[in-house]
Amino acid sequence: MHKLLVLYPPPDDPAAFAEYYEKQHLPLVQKLPGLLGWRYSLQVHAEPESPYFAVFEAEFADAAAYAAAMATPQGEAVRRDVPNYATGGAIVLDYPVAQS
């Protein structure tokens, strides 16, 4: 299993981020080939305060499947769309998941 984790710092306009993210960006994400599952939250909490506004997680079979998905036109569309809503930027991490 290979995971994608995207951490979003606070945007300039949280309501605009949420609306665009849910109505425009996530439908693009759903078109990624090889995507096994995904989830997100716009309610990220931490003590004493979270440096992130939102988080997104996705699963792929392995690193090759993730790389292949991101190399497709759908992957390019997802990447190009991020500046349209993530005015606070985005931290993108991907990693293999160790199983015990």
PDB file of N, CA and C in Angstrom:
ATOM      1  N   MET A   1       0.859  -1.186   0.000  1.00  0.00           N
ATOM      2  CA  MET A   1       0.000   0.000   0.000  1.00  0.00           C
ATOM      3  C   MET A   1       0.895   1.236   0.000  1.00  0.00           C
ATOM      4  N   HIS A   2       0.476   2.236  -0.761  1.00  0.00           N
ATOM      5  CA  HIS A   2       1.199   3.502  -0.839  1.00  0.00           C
ATOM      6  C   HIS A   2       0.200   4.622  -0.562  1.00  0.00           C
ATOM      7  N   LYS A   3       0.593   5.553   0.299  1.00  0.00           N
ATOM      8  CA  LYS A   3      -0.308   6.638   0.695  1.00  0.00           C
ATOM      9  C   LYS A   3       0.144   7.973   0.133  1.00  0.00           C
ATOM     10  N   LEU A   4      -0.822   8.799  -0.133  1.00  0.00           N
ATOM     11  CA  LEU A   4      -0.627  10.209  -0.458  1.00  0.00           C
ATOM     12  C   LEU A   4      -1.260  10.987   0.685  1.00  0.00           C
ATOM     13  N   LEU A   5      -0.529  11.942   1.228  1.00  0.00           N
ATOM     14  CA  LEU A   5      -1.039  12.789   2.304  1.00  0.00           C
ATOM     15  C   LEU A   5      -0.806  14.234   1.894  1.00  0.00           C
ATOM     16  N   VAL A   6      -1.862  15.035   1.891  1.00  0.00           N
ATOM     17  CA  VAL A   6      -1.742  16.451   1.564  1.00  0.00           C
ATOM     18  C   VAL A   6      -2.215  17.247   2.776  1.00  0.00           C
ATOM     19  N   LEU A   7      -1.348  18.136   3.250  1.00  0.00           N
ATOM     20  CA  LEU A   7      -1.651  19.005   4.383  1.00  0.00           C
ATOM     21  C   LEU A   7      -1.802  20.426   3.859  1.00  0.00           C
ATOM     22  N   TYR A   8      -2.901  21.059   4.208  1.00  0.00           N
ATOM     23  CA  TYR A   8      -3.184  22.404   3.732  1.00  0.00           C
ATOM     24  C   TYR A   8      -3.114  23.404   4.874  1.00  0.00           C
ATOM     25  N   PRO A   9      -2.153  24.343   4.844  1.00  0.00           N
ATOM     26  CA  PRO A   9      -2.156  25.437   5.806  1.00  0.00           C
ATOM     27  C   PRO A   9      -3.412  26.304   5.602  1.00  0.00           C
ATOM     28  N   PRO A  10      -3.720  27.158   6.563  1.00  0.00           N
ATOM     29  CA  PRO A  10      -4.932  27.984   6.436  1.00  0.00           C
ATOM     30  C   PRO A  10      -4.936  28.825   5.156  1.00  0.00           C
ATOM     31  N   PRO A  11      -6.050  28.793   4.421  1.00  0.00           N
ATOM     32  CA  PRO A  11      -6.176  29.608   3.210  1.00  0.00           C
ATOM     33  C   PRO A  11      -6.613  31.030   3.560  1.00  0.00           C
ATOM     34  N   ASP A  12      -6.556  31.906   2.563  1.00  0.00           N
ATOM     35  CA  ASP A  12      -7.018  33.285   2.766  1.00  0.00           C
ATOM     36  C   ASP A  12      -8.514  33.330   3.078  1.00  0.00           C
ATOM     37  N   ASP A  13      -9.288  32.477   2.411  1.00  0.00           N
ATOM     38  CA  ASP A  13     -10.749  32.463   2.578  1.00  0.00           C
ATOM     39  C   ASP A  13     -11.193  31.012   2.790  1.00  0.00           C
ATOM     40  N   PRO A  14     -11.350  30.585   4.053  1.00  0.00           N
ATOM     41  CA  PRO A  14     -11.713  29.192   4.322  1.00  0.00           C
ATOM     42  C   PRO A  14     -13.006  28.736   3.644  1.00  0.00           C
ATOM     43  N   ALA A  15     -14.008  29.588   3.576  1.00  0.00           N
ATOM     44  CA  ALA A  15     -15.275  29.193   2.947  1.00  0.00           C
ATOM     45  C   ALA A  15     -15.095  28.969   1.444  1.00  0.00           C
ATOM     46  N   ALA A  16     -14.335  29.821   0.795  1.00  0.00           N
ATOM     47  CA  ALA A  16     -14.081  29.660  -0.636  1.00  0.00           C
ATOM     48  C   ALA A  16     -13.256  28.394  -0.885  1.00  0.00           C
ATOM     49  N   PHE A  17     -12.275  28.129  -0.019  1.00  0.00           N
ATOM     50  CA  PHE A  17     -11.490  26.896  -0.129  1.00  0.00           C
ATOM     51  C   PHE A  17     -12.418  25.694  -0.078  1.00  0.00           C
ATOM     52  N   ALA A  18     -13.261  25.632   0.940  1.00  0.00           N
ATOM     53  CA  ALA A  18     -14.142  24.477   1.146  1.00  0.00           C
ATOM     54  C   ALA A  18     -15.067  24.273  -0.048  1.00  0.00           C
ATOM     55  N   GLU A  19     -15.667  25.329  -0.531  1.00  0.00           N
ATOM     56  CA  GLU A  19     -16.602  25.201  -1.652  1.00  0.00           C
ATOM     57  C   GLU A  19     -15.891  24.712  -2.909  1.00  0.00           C
ATOM     58  N   TYR A  20     -14.771  25.321  -3.229  1.00  0.00           N
ATOM     59  CA  TYR A  20     -14.045  24.923  -4.445  1.00  0.00           C
ATOM     60  C   TYR A  20     -13.500  23.505  -4.296  1.00  0.00           C
ATOM     61  N   TYR A  21     -12.932  23.211  -3.159  1.00  0.00           N
ATOM     62  CA  TYR A  21     -12.323  21.904  -2.917  1.00  0.00           C
ATOM     63  C   TYR A  21     -13.335  20.778  -3.093  1.00  0.00           C
ATOM     64  N   GLU A  22     -14.484  20.938  -2.484  1.00  0.00           N
ATOM     65  CA  GLU A  22     -15.497  19.884  -2.528  1.00  0.00           C
ATOM     66  C   GLU A  22     -16.199  19.789  -3.888  1.00  0.00           C
ATOM     67  N   LYS A  23     -16.426  20.920  -4.541  1.00  0.00           N
ATOM     68  CA  LYS A  23     -17.194  20.904  -5.786  1.00  0.00           C
ATOM     69  C   LYS A  23     -16.334  20.789  -7.045  1.00  0.00           C
ATOM     70  N   GLN A  24     -15.087  21.237  -6.984  1.00  0.00           N
ATOM     71  CA  GLN A  24     -14.251  21.244  -8.179  1.00  0.00           C
ATOM     72  C   GLN A  24     -13.057  20.287  -8.081  1.00  0.00           C
ATOM     73  N   HIS A  25     -12.307  20.372  -6.962  1.00  0.00           N
ATOM     74  CA  HIS A  25     -11.066  19.609  -6.876  1.00  0.00           C
ATOM     75  C   HIS A  25     -11.292  18.121  -6.607  1.00  0.00           C
ATOM     76  N   LEU A  26     -12.110  17.790  -5.650  1.00  0.00           N
ATOM     77  CA  LEU A  26     -12.313  16.374  -5.335  1.00  0.00           C
ATOM     78  C   LEU A  26     -12.883  15.577  -6.514  1.00  0.00           C
ATOM     79  N   PRO A  27     -13.773  16.124  -7.326  1.00  0.00           N
ATOM     80  CA  PRO A  27     -14.193  15.372  -8.516  1.00  0.00           C
ATOM     81  C   PRO A  27     -13.028  15.068  -9.472  1.00  0.00           C
ATOM     82  N   LEU A  28     -12.044  15.953  -9.544  1.00  0.00           N
ATOM     83  CA  LEU A  28     -10.848  15.672 -10.347  1.00  0.00           C
ATOM     84  C   LEU A  28     -10.052  14.521  -9.735  1.00  0.00           C
ATOM     85  N   VAL A  29      -9.906  14.549  -8.428  1.00  0.00           N
ATOM     86  CA  VAL A  29      -9.153  13.505  -7.714  1.00  0.00           C
ATOM     87  C   VAL A  29      -9.783  12.133  -7.960  1.00  0.00           C
ATOM     88  N   GLN A  30     -11.087  12.060  -7.937  1.00  0.00           N
ATOM     89  CA  GLN A  30     -11.793  10.788  -8.108  1.00  0.00           C
ATOM     90  C   GLN A  30     -11.515  10.134  -9.463  1.00  0.00           C
ATOM     91  N   LYS A  31     -11.026  10.897 -10.420  1.00  0.00           N
ATOM     92  CA  LYS A  31     -10.731  10.368 -11.752  1.00  0.00           C
ATOM     93  C   LYS A  31      -9.325   9.782 -11.874  1.00  0.00           C
ATOM     94  N   LEU A  32      -8.520   9.864 -10.802  1.00  0.00           N
ATOM     95  CA  LEU A  32      -7.160   9.331 -10.866  1.00  0.00           C
ATOM     96  C   LEU A  32      -7.190   7.819 -11.070  1.00  0.00           C
ATOM     97  N   PRO A  33      -6.518   7.313 -12.082  1.00  0.00           N
ATOM     98  CA  PRO A  33      -6.482   5.862 -12.269  1.00  0.00           C
ATOM     99  C   PRO A  33      -5.689   5.191 -11.147  1.00  0.00           C
ATOM    100  N   GLY A  34      -6.165   4.050 -10.712  1.00  0.00           N
ATOM    101  CA  GLY A  34      -5.470   3.303  -9.673  1.00  0.00           C
ATOM    102  C   GLY A  34      -5.754   3.764  -8.258  1.00  0.00           C
ATOM    103  N   LEU A  35      -6.593   4.760  -8.092  1.00  0.00           N
ATOM    104  CA  LEU A  35      -6.953   5.256  -6.763  1.00  0.00           C
ATOM    105  C   LEU A  35      -7.793   4.202  -6.050  1.00  0.00           C
ATOM    106  N   LEU A  36      -7.316   3.725  -4.904  1.00  0.00           N
ATOM    107  CA  LEU A  36      -8.024   2.676  -4.167  1.00  0.00           C
ATOM    108  C   LEU A  36      -9.006   3.232  -3.141  1.00  0.00           C
ATOM    109  N   GLY A  37      -8.696   4.391  -2.601  1.00  0.00           N
ATOM    110  CA  GLY A  37      -9.566   4.999  -1.598  1.00  0.00           C
ATOM    111  C   GLY A  37      -9.053   6.380  -1.251  1.00  0.00           C
ATOM    112  N   TRP A  38      -9.935   7.205  -0.696  1.00  0.00           N
ATOM    113  CA  TRP A  38      -9.525   8.550  -0.299  1.00  0.00           C
ATOM    114  C   TRP A  38     -10.449   9.071   0.785  1.00  0.00           C
ATOM    115  N   ARG A  39      -9.961  10.064   1.507  1.00  0.00           N
ATOM    116  CA  ARG A  39     -10.740  10.724   2.558  1.00  0.00           C
ATOM    117  C   ARG A  39     -10.133  12.098   2.816  1.00  0.00           C
ATOM    118  N   TYR A  40     -10.909  12.964   3.433  1.00  0.00           N
ATOM    119  CA  TYR A  40     -10.396  14.301   3.743  1.00  0.00           C
ATOM    120  C   TYR A  40     -11.128  14.853   4.957  1.00  0.00           C
ATOM    121  N   SER A  41     -10.565  15.924   5.505  1.00  0.00           N
ATOM    122  CA  SER A  41     -11.228  16.641   6.591  1.00  0.00           C
ATOM    123  C   SER A  41     -10.906  18.122   6.482  1.00  0.00           C
ATOM    124  N   LEU A  42     -11.906  18.926   6.735  1.00  0.00           N
ATOM    125  CA  LEU A  42     -11.739  20.377   6.813  1.00  0.00           C
ATOM    126  C   LEU A  42     -11.818  20.838   8.265  1.00  0.00           C
ATOM    127  N   GLN A  43     -11.682  19.895   9.190  1.00  0.00           N
ATOM    128  CA  GLN A  43     -11.780  20.196  10.616  1.00  0.00           C
ATOM    129  C   GLN A  43     -10.578  19.591  11.344  1.00  0.00           C
ATOM    130  N   VAL A  44      -9.391  20.110  11.049  1.00  0.00           N
ATOM    131  CA  VAL A  44      -8.151  19.583  11.614  1.00  0.00           C
ATOM    132  C   VAL A  44      -7.875  20.285  12.937  1.00  0.00           C
ATOM    133  N   HIS A  45      -7.726  19.487  13.995  1.00  0.00           N
ATOM    134  CA  HIS A  45      -7.474  20.030  15.330  1.00  0.00           C
ATOM    135  C   HIS A  45      -6.153  19.497  15.866  1.00  0.00           C
ATOM    136  N   ALA A  46      -5.480  20.294  16.643  1.00  0.00           N
ATOM    137  CA  ALA A  46      -4.245  19.893  17.311  1.00  0.00           C
ATOM    138  C   ALA A  46      -4.085  20.754  18.563  1.00  0.00           C
ATOM    139  N   GLU A  47      -3.312  20.275  19.492  1.00  0.00           N
ATOM    140  CA  GLU A  47      -3.040  21.045  20.717  1.00  0.00           C
ATOM    141  C   GLU A  47      -1.636  21.601  20.654  1.00  0.00           C
ATOM    142  N   PRO A  48      -1.403  22.865  20.897  1.00  0.00           N
ATOM    143  CA  PRO A  48      -2.404  23.850  21.282  1.00  0.00           C
ATOM    144  C   PRO A  48      -3.186  24.396  20.091  1.00  0.00           C
ATOM    145  N   GLU A  49      -2.604  24.402  18.880  1.00  0.00           N
ATOM    146  CA  GLU A  49      -3.305  24.914  17.708  1.00  0.00           C
ATOM    147  C   GLU A  49      -2.757  24.208  16.466  1.00  0.00           C
ATOM    148  N   SER A  50      -3.634  23.880  15.542  1.00  0.00           N
ATOM    149  CA  SER A  50      -3.204  23.183  14.334  1.00  0.00           C
ATOM    150  C   SER A  50      -2.618  24.166  13.315  1.00  0.00           C
ATOM    151  N   PRO A  51      -1.486  23.821  12.717  1.00  0.00           N
ATOM    152  CA  PRO A  51      -0.955  24.655  11.641  1.00  0.00           C
ATOM    153  C   PRO A  51      -1.646  24.357  10.306  1.00  0.00           C
ATOM    154  N   TYR A  52      -2.611  23.422  10.313  1.00  0.00           N
ATOM    155  CA  TYR A  52      -3.267  23.009   9.078  1.00  0.00           C
ATOM    156  C   TYR A  52      -4.769  23.227   9.144  1.00  0.00           C
ATOM    157  N   PHE A  53      -5.315  23.617   8.010  1.00  0.00           N
ATOM    158  CA  PHE A  53      -6.745  23.834   7.874  1.00  0.00           C
ATOM    159  C   PHE A  53      -7.452  22.560   7.413  1.00  0.00           C
ATOM    160  N   ALA A  54      -6.788  21.819   6.508  1.00  0.00           N
ATOM    161  CA  ALA A  54      -7.401  20.631   5.915  1.00  0.00           C
ATOM    162  C   ALA A  54      -6.341  19.561   5.692  1.00  0.00           C
ATOM    163  N   VAL A  55      -6.828  18.320   5.554  1.00  0.00           N
ATOM    164  CA  VAL A  55      -5.960  17.182   5.277  1.00  0.00           C
ATOM    165  C   VAL A  55      -6.665  16.266   4.281  1.00  0.00           C
ATOM    166  N   PHE A  56      -5.871  15.662   3.390  1.00  0.00           N
ATOM    167  CA  PHE A  56      -6.384  14.717   2.407  1.00  0.00           C
ATOM    168  C   PHE A  56      -5.495  13.486   2.415  1.00  0.00           C
ATOM    169  N   GLU A  57      -6.104  12.305   2.347  1.00  0.00           N
ATOM    170  CA  GLU A  57      -5.366  11.043   2.274  1.00  0.00           C
ATOM    171  C   GLU A  57      -5.909  10.226   1.106  1.00  0.00           C
ATOM    172  N   ALA A  58      -4.993   9.541   0.417  1.00  0.00           N
ATOM    173  CA  ALA A  58      -5.399   8.630  -0.663  1.00  0.00           C
ATOM    174  C   ALA A  58      -4.506   7.404  -0.623  1.00  0.00           C
ATOM    175  N   GLU A  59      -5.040   6.295  -1.144  1.00  0.00           N
ATOM    176  CA  GLU A  59      -4.273   5.048  -1.195  1.00  0.00           C
ATOM    177  C   GLU A  59      -4.149   4.557  -2.627  1.00  0.00           C
ATOM    178  N   PHE A  60      -2.961   4.017  -2.908  1.00  0.00           N
ATOM    179  CA  PHE A  60      -2.656   3.367  -4.171  1.00  0.00           C
ATOM    180  C   PHE A  60      -2.013   2.029  -3.844  1.00  0.00           C
ATOM    181  N   ALA A  61      -2.011   1.109  -4.780  1.00  0.00           N
ATOM    182  CA  ALA A  61      -1.463  -0.226  -4.529  1.00  0.00           C
ATOM    183  C   ALA A  61       0.012  -0.165  -4.148  1.00  0.00           C
ATOM    184  N   ASP A  62       0.768   0.697  -4.829  1.00  0.00           N
ATOM    185  CA  ASP A  62       2.201   0.805  -4.556  1.00  0.00           C
ATOM    186  C   ASP A  62       2.706   2.125  -5.140  1.00  0.00           C
ATOM    187  N   ALA A  63       3.998   2.386  -4.960  1.00  0.00           N
ATOM    188  CA  ALA A  63       4.582   3.643  -5.440  1.00  0.00           C
ATOM    189  C   ALA A  63       4.473   3.770  -6.951  1.00  0.00           C
ATOM    190  N   ALA A  64       4.611   2.659  -7.661  1.00  0.00           N
ATOM    191  CA  ALA A  64       4.512   2.695  -9.120  1.00  0.00           C
ATOM    192  C   ALA A  64       3.107   3.104  -9.566  1.00  0.00           C
ATOM    193  N   ALA A  65       2.084   2.612  -8.885  1.00  0.00           N
ATOM    194  CA  ALA A  65       0.702   2.969  -9.225  1.00  0.00           C
ATOM    195  C   ALA A  65       0.449   4.453  -8.963  1.00  0.00           C
ATOM    196  N   TYR A  66       0.992   4.962  -7.861  1.00  0.00           N
ATOM    197  CA  TYR A  66       0.857   6.389  -7.546  1.00  0.00           C
ATOM    198  C   TYR A  66       1.551   7.227  -8.624  1.00  0.00           C
ATOM    199  N   ALA A  67       2.796   6.876  -8.946  1.00  0.00           N
ATOM    200  CA  ALA A  67       3.549   7.626  -9.955  1.00  0.00           C
ATOM    201  C   ALA A  67       2.847   7.580 -11.306  1.00  0.00           C
ATOM    202  N   ALA A  68       2.327   6.415 -11.674  1.00  0.00           N
ATOM    203  CA  ALA A  68       1.617   6.281 -12.951  1.00  0.00           C
ATOM    204  C   ALA A  68       0.369   7.163 -12.969  1.00  0.00           C
ATOM    205  N   ALA A  69      -0.377   7.194 -11.867  1.00  0.00           N
ATOM    206  CA  ALA A  69      -1.587   8.014 -11.792  1.00  0.00           C
ATOM    207  C   ALA A  69      -1.260   9.491 -11.960  1.00  0.00           C
ATOM    208  N   MET A  70      -0.200   9.937 -11.313  1.00  0.00           N
ATOM    209  CA  MET A  70       0.145  11.354 -11.363  1.00  0.00           C
ATOM    210  C   MET A  70       0.736  11.753 -12.709  1.00  0.00           C
ATOM    211  N   ALA A  71       1.190  10.787 -13.491  1.00  0.00           N
ATOM    212  CA  ALA A  71       1.753  11.062 -14.815  1.00  0.00           C
ATOM    213  C   ALA A  71       0.685  11.132 -15.904  1.00  0.00           C
ATOM    214  N   THR A  72      -0.556  10.797 -15.572  1.00  0.00           N
ATOM    215  CA  THR A  72      -1.645  10.828 -16.545  1.00  0.00           C
ATOM    216  C   THR A  72      -2.184  12.250 -16.701  1.00  0.00           C
ATOM    217  N   PRO A  73      -2.991  12.494 -17.726  1.00  0.00           N
ATOM    218  CA  PRO A  73      -3.646  13.795 -17.843  1.00  0.00           C
ATOM    219  C   PRO A  73      -4.497  14.128 -16.610  1.00  0.00           C
ATOM    220  N   GLN A  74      -5.116  13.109 -16.005  1.00  0.00           N
ATOM    221  CA  GLN A  74      -5.918  13.347 -14.797  1.00  0.00           C
ATOM    222  C   GLN A  74      -5.020  13.810 -13.649  1.00  0.00           C
ATOM    223  N   GLY A  75      -3.851  13.198 -13.509  1.00  0.00           N
ATOM    224  CA  GLY A  75      -2.902  13.606 -12.472  1.00  0.00           C
ATOM    225  C   GLY A  75      -2.403  15.019 -12.686  1.00  0.00           C
ATOM    226  N   GLU A  76      -2.121  15.355 -13.927  1.00  0.00           N
ATOM    227  CA  GLU A  76      -1.690  16.722 -14.260  1.00  0.00           C
ATOM    228  C   GLU A  76      -2.801  17.724 -13.935  1.00  0.00           C
ATOM    229  N   ALA A  77      -4.044  17.360 -14.226  1.00  0.00           N
ATOM    230  CA  ALA A  77      -5.176  18.251 -13.930  1.00  0.00           C
ATOM    231  C   ALA A  77      -5.299  18.487 -12.430  1.00  0.00           C
ATOM    232  N   VAL A  78      -5.128  17.435 -11.638  1.00  0.00           N
ATOM    233  CA  VAL A  78      -5.182  17.568 -10.178  1.00  0.00           C
ATOM    234  C   VAL A  78      -4.092  18.517  -9.707  1.00  0.00           C
ATOM    235  N   ARG A  79      -2.882  18.309 -10.182  1.00  0.00           N
ATOM    236  CA  ARG A  79      -1.746  19.144  -9.768  1.00  0.00           C
ATOM    237  C   ARG A  79      -1.941  20.609 -10.175  1.00  0.00           C
ATOM    238  N   ARG A  80      -2.384  20.830 -11.402  1.00  0.00           N
ATOM    239  CA  ARG A  80      -2.582  22.201 -11.889  1.00  0.00           C
ATOM    240  C   ARG A  80      -3.706  22.922 -11.154  1.00  0.00           C
ATOM    241  N   ASP A  81      -4.656  22.181 -10.591  1.00  0.00           N
ATOM    242  CA  ASP A  81      -5.814  22.796  -9.950  1.00  0.00           C
ATOM    243  C   ASP A  81      -5.520  23.340  -8.550  1.00  0.00           C
ATOM    244  N   VAL A  82      -4.503  22.827  -7.889  1.00  0.00           N
ATOM    245  CA  VAL A  82      -4.234  23.192  -6.484  1.00  0.00           C
ATOM    246  C   VAL A  82      -4.144  24.706  -6.259  1.00  0.00           C
ATOM    247  N   PRO A  83      -3.424  25.473  -7.075  1.00  0.00           N
ATOM    248  CA  PRO A  83      -3.362  26.924  -6.823  1.00  0.00           C
ATOM    249  C   PRO A  83      -4.706  27.642  -6.928  1.00  0.00           C
ATOM    250  N   ASN A  84      -5.707  27.000  -7.521  1.00  0.00           N
ATOM    251  CA  ASN A  84      -7.023  27.629  -7.644  1.00  0.00           C
ATOM    252  C   ASN A  84      -7.757  27.754  -6.321  1.00  0.00           C
ATOM    253  N   TYR A  85      -7.366  26.997  -5.309  1.00  0.00           N
ATOM    254  CA  TYR A  85      -8.068  27.055  -4.021  1.00  0.00           C
ATOM    255  C   TYR A  85      -7.124  27.105  -2.825  1.00  0.00           C
ATOM    256  N   ALA A  86      -5.920  26.580  -2.940  1.00  0.00           N
ATOM    257  CA  ALA A  86      -5.002  26.455  -1.793  1.00  0.00           C
ATOM    258  C   ALA A  86      -4.106  27.689  -1.697  1.00  0.00           C
ATOM    259  N   THR A  87      -4.701  28.814  -1.309  1.00  0.00           N
ATOM    260  CA  THR A  87      -3.940  30.063  -1.222  1.00  0.00           C
ATOM    261  C   THR A  87      -2.896  30.020  -0.113  1.00  0.00           C
ATOM    262  N   GLY A  88      -3.044  29.104   0.821  1.00  0.00           N
ATOM    263  CA  GLY A  88      -2.047  28.934   1.885  1.00  0.00           C
ATOM    264  C   GLY A  88      -0.970  27.931   1.506  1.00  0.00           C
ATOM    265  N   GLY A  89      -1.075  27.360   0.294  1.00  0.00           N
ATOM    266  CA  GLY A  89      -0.120  26.360  -0.153  1.00  0.00           C
ATOM    267  C   GLY A  89      -0.581  24.959   0.205  1.00  0.00           C
ATOM    268  N   ALA A  90       0.262  23.995  -0.090  1.00  0.00           N
ATOM    269  CA  ALA A  90      -0.040  22.595   0.206  1.00  0.00           C
ATOM    270  C   ALA A  90       1.274  21.847   0.405  1.00  0.00           C
ATOM    271  N   ILE A  91       1.284  20.972   1.375  1.00  0.00           N
ATOM    272  CA  ILE A  91       2.426  20.097   1.624  1.00  0.00           C
ATOM    273  C   ILE A  91       2.005  18.710   1.176  1.00  0.00           C
ATOM    274  N   VAL A  92       2.711  18.151   0.190  1.00  0.00           N
ATOM    275  CA  VAL A  92       2.350  16.868  -0.399  1.00  0.00           C
ATOM    276  C   VAL A  92       3.395  15.840   0.004  1.00  0.00           C
ATOM    277  N   LEU A  93       2.926  14.769   0.645  1.00  0.00           N
ATOM    278  CA  LEU A  93       3.785  13.683   1.071  1.00  0.00           C
ATOM    279  C   LEU A  93       3.259  12.391   0.461  1.00  0.00           C
ATOM    280  N   ASP A  94       4.173  11.507   0.050  1.00  0.00           N
ATOM    281  CA  ASP A  94       3.740  10.175  -0.337  1.00  0.00           C
ATOM    282  C   ASP A  94       4.748   9.188   0.235  1.00  0.00           C
ATOM    283  N   TYR A  95       4.245   8.012   0.623  1.00  0.00           N
ATOM    284  CA  TYR A  95       5.087   7.063   1.325  1.00  0.00           C
ATOM    285  C   TYR A  95       4.468   5.658   1.301  1.00  0.00           C
ATOM    286  N   PRO A  96       5.328   4.635   1.363  1.00  0.00           N
ATOM    287  CA  PRO A  96       4.814   3.278   1.485  1.00  0.00           C
ATOM    288  C   PRO A  96       4.353   3.060   2.933  1.00  0.00           C
ATOM    289  N   VAL A  97       3.356   2.227   3.093  1.00  0.00           N
ATOM    290  CA  VAL A  97       2.834   1.926   4.428  1.00  0.00           C
ATOM    291  C   VAL A  97       3.367   0.559   4.841  1.00  0.00           C
ATOM    292  N   ALA A  98       4.029   0.504   5.972  1.00  0.00           N
ATOM    293  CA  ALA A  98       4.535  -0.755   6.507  1.00  0.00           C
ATOM    294  C   ALA A  98       3.399  -1.478   7.205  1.00  0.00           C
ATOM    295  N   GLN A  99       3.291  -2.745   6.970  1.00  0.00           N
ATOM    296  CA  GLN A  99       2.254  -3.572   7.594  1.00  0.00           C
ATOM    297  C   GLN A  99       2.899  -4.430   8.680  1.00  0.00           C
ATOM    298  N   SER A 100       2.212  -4.601   9.781  1.00  0.00           N
ATOM    299  CA  SER A 100       2.749  -5.487  10.830  1.00  0.00           C
ATOM    300  C   SER A 100       1.966  -6.767  10.900  1.00  0.00           C
TER     301      SER A 100
END
